[in-house]
Amino acid sequence: MKFEHLIEVNDLNNPLQDPLTREALWFGLLCRAEDARAFLPGLEACRIVERRDDMLVRDLDFGAVVIRDRVTFETLQWICFESEATADHAGGSLTISIEEPQPGALFLRFRYQTTLPEGGEDARYAEFVRAAYHRSDVDTVRVIRMIAESGGLEQ
């Protein structure tokens, strides 16, 4: 199954919303890479097992299941999470790209690629998964805003 959608981060027409800078948004995405517990309900631990300048390998501990993934990124542009297939997990990838069609108008594009089938008997399940991904991605922006508002980063 392939799935992608766009989430608006800064609504320039909403004077009540504090806009995030690209740097603050990027910092929030890096927080998701370093310790995903605030972003993934049910995640008990996130352990970095390998680190390089532009890559992390993590073990995501959900209790009964541990998923290993690789996080690659291009600073201030995109971050990609690729999970390995196991007996308990089908594997797949999520790429989150920062888009800025005009200064300050920030969006996140989420692109999913999984081994889940999209058609036939699995179509309803695929639609459920898409809806869950969308809710999770809206929550990602909410958590990044909370990090920024708590003073966890300078804007």
Protein backbone atom coordinates (compact mmCIF):
# COMPACT_ATOMS: atom_id res chain seq x y z
CA MET A 1 0.00 0.00 0.00
CA LYS A 2 1.23 3.46 -0.90
CA PHE A 3 -0.32 6.46 0.77
CA GLU A 4 0.58 10.14 1.05
CA HIS A 5 -0.99 13.29 2.39
CA LEU A 6 -0.11 16.85 3.33
CA ILE A 7 -0.63 18.51 6.72
CA GLU A 8 -0.54 22.27 7.13
CA VAL A 9 1.77 23.33 9.96
CA ASN A 10 1.44 27.12 9.77
CA ASP A 11 -1.90 28.61 8.78
CA LEU A 12 -0.80 32.11 7.76
CA ASN A 13 -4.44 33.26 7.83
CA ASN A 14 -4.86 32.34 11.50
CA PRO A 15 -3.55 35.16 13.72
CA LEU A 16 -4.18 33.03 16.83
CA GLN A 17 -1.68 30.37 15.79
CA ASP A 18 1.98 30.89 16.62
CA PRO A 19 3.87 29.96 13.45
CA LEU A 20 6.75 27.51 13.71
CA THR A 21 10.02 28.19 11.96
CA ARG A 22 11.47 25.59 9.63
CA GLU A 23 14.21 25.01 12.22
CA ALA A 24 11.67 24.43 15.02
CA LEU A 25 9.73 22.02 12.82
CA TRP A 26 12.94 20.18 11.92
CA PHE A 27 13.94 19.97 15.58
CA GLY A 28 10.58 18.36 16.34
CA LEU A 29 11.13 15.78 13.59
CA LEU A 30 14.57 15.02 15.06
CA CYS A 31 12.93 14.56 18.47
CA ARG A 32 10.69 11.94 16.84
CA ALA A 33 13.81 10.18 15.56
CA GLU A 34 15.76 10.35 18.84
CA ASP A 35 12.92 9.23 21.14
CA ALA A 36 9.60 8.43 19.49
CA ARG A 37 7.67 7.65 22.70
CA ALA A 38 5.73 10.96 22.63
CA PHE A 39 4.81 10.32 18.98
CA LEU A 40 3.90 6.61 18.99
CA PRO A 41 1.28 5.46 21.53
CA GLY A 42 2.21 2.14 23.11
CA LEU A 43 5.94 2.58 22.54
CA GLU A 44 7.71 1.60 25.75
CA ALA A 45 11.30 2.35 24.74
CA CYS A 46 13.29 3.71 21.81
CA ARG A 47 16.93 2.64 21.79
CA ILE A 48 19.50 4.00 19.35
CA VAL A 49 21.74 1.06 18.38
CA GLU A 50 23.80 2.81 15.70
CA ARG A 51 24.44 6.46 14.90
CA ARG A 52 26.11 8.28 12.01
CA ASP A 53 25.91 11.90 10.83
CA ASP A 54 22.88 11.31 8.60
CA MET A 55 21.48 8.02 9.93
CA LEU A 56 20.22 6.25 13.04
CA VAL A 57 19.30 2.62 13.63
CA ARG A 58 16.75 2.17 16.42
CA ASP A 59 14.97 -0.58 18.27
CA LEU A 60 11.37 0.39 18.99
CA ASP A 61 10.09 -1.63 21.95
CA PHE A 62 6.31 -2.03 22.01
CA GLY A 63 6.42 -4.64 24.80
CA ALA A 64 5.61 -7.88 23.02
CA VAL A 65 7.17 -6.68 19.75
CA VAL A 66 10.47 -4.95 19.01
CA ILE A 67 10.79 -3.29 15.61
CA ARG A 68 14.14 -2.28 14.19
CA ASP A 69 14.18 0.69 11.88
CA ARG A 70 16.66 2.90 10.08
CA VAL A 71 16.23 6.67 10.09
CA THR A 72 17.91 8.67 7.34
CA PHE A 73 17.57 12.37 6.70
CA GLU A 74 18.64 15.49 4.89
CA THR A 75 18.79 18.36 7.39
CA LEU A 76 15.83 20.77 7.20
CA GLN A 77 14.42 18.86 4.17
CA TRP A 78 13.20 15.32 4.90
CA ILE A 79 13.43 12.38 7.27
CA CYS A 80 12.77 8.73 6.36
CA PHE A 81 11.89 5.86 8.71
CA GLU A 82 12.35 2.37 7.21
CA SER A 83 11.33 -0.59 9.34
CA GLU A 84 12.57 -4.10 8.79
CA ALA A 85 10.08 -6.88 8.05
CA THR A 86 9.81 -9.54 10.75
CA ALA A 87 7.39 -12.32 11.65
CA ASP A 88 5.46 -9.75 13.77
CA HIS A 89 5.76 -6.70 11.50
CA ALA A 90 5.33 -6.33 7.74
CA GLY A 91 7.91 -3.56 7.41
CA GLY A 92 7.65 -0.43 5.33
CA SER A 93 8.72 3.17 5.14
CA LEU A 94 7.55 6.65 6.04
CA THR A 95 9.16 9.73 4.54
CA ILE A 96 8.27 13.11 6.01
CA SER A 97 9.23 16.10 3.86
CA ILE A 98 9.06 19.77 4.80
CA GLU A 99 7.44 21.90 2.11
CA GLU A 100 7.33 25.69 2.07
CA PRO A 101 5.46 27.00 -0.99
CA GLN A 102 5.82 30.57 0.30
CA PRO A 103 7.88 32.00 3.17
CA GLY A 104 6.51 30.79 6.50
CA ALA A 105 3.80 28.58 4.94
CA LEU A 106 5.09 25.26 6.22
CA PHE A 107 3.58 21.87 5.42
CA LEU A 108 4.63 18.30 6.14
CA ARG A 109 4.16 15.71 3.40
CA PHE A 110 3.87 12.16 4.75
CA ARG A 111 4.59 9.32 2.29
CA TYR A 112 3.95 5.76 3.38
CA GLN A 113 4.95 2.60 1.60
CA THR A 114 3.97 -0.73 3.16
CA THR A 115 3.53 -4.32 2.12
CA LEU A 116 -0.21 -4.17 2.92
CA PRO A 117 -2.39 -4.94 -0.11
CA GLU A 118 -4.75 -2.15 -1.20
CA GLY A 119 -7.47 -3.88 -3.16
CA GLY A 120 -9.88 -6.77 -2.98
CA GLU A 121 -10.87 -8.05 0.43
CA ASP A 122 -8.17 -5.92 2.07
CA ALA A 123 -9.52 -2.58 0.78
CA ARG A 124 -11.48 -1.83 3.96
CA TYR A 125 -8.49 -2.67 6.13
CA ALA A 126 -6.25 -0.46 3.98
CA GLU A 127 -8.71 2.43 4.41
CA PHE A 128 -8.66 1.93 8.19
CA VAL A 129 -4.85 2.00 8.16
CA ARG A 130 -4.81 5.19 6.06
CA ALA A 131 -7.14 6.88 8.57
CA ALA A 132 -4.95 5.77 11.48
CA TYR A 133 -1.83 7.09 9.73
CA HIS A 134 -3.54 10.44 9.14
CA ARG A 135 -4.56 10.75 12.81
CA SER A 136 -1.02 9.86 13.89
CA ASP A 137 0.44 12.49 11.56
CA VAL A 138 -1.90 15.20 12.86
CA ASP A 139 -0.71 14.19 16.34
CA THR A 140 2.91 14.50 15.18
CA VAL A 141 2.36 18.18 14.38
CA ARG A 142 0.55 18.65 17.71
CA VAL A 143 3.47 17.10 19.64
CA ILE A 144 6.01 19.22 17.73
CA ARG A 145 4.00 22.33 18.69
CA MET A 146 4.00 21.20 22.33
CA ILE A 147 7.79 20.77 22.23
CA ALA A 148 8.18 24.27 20.77
CA GLU A 149 5.76 25.85 23.28
CA SER A 150 7.46 24.17 26.24
CA GLY A 151 10.68 25.98 25.39
CA GLY A 152 12.31 22.78 24.21
CA LEU A 153 13.76 24.73 21.32
CA GLU A 154 14.48 28.28 20.29
CA GLN A 155 12.45 29.67 17.43
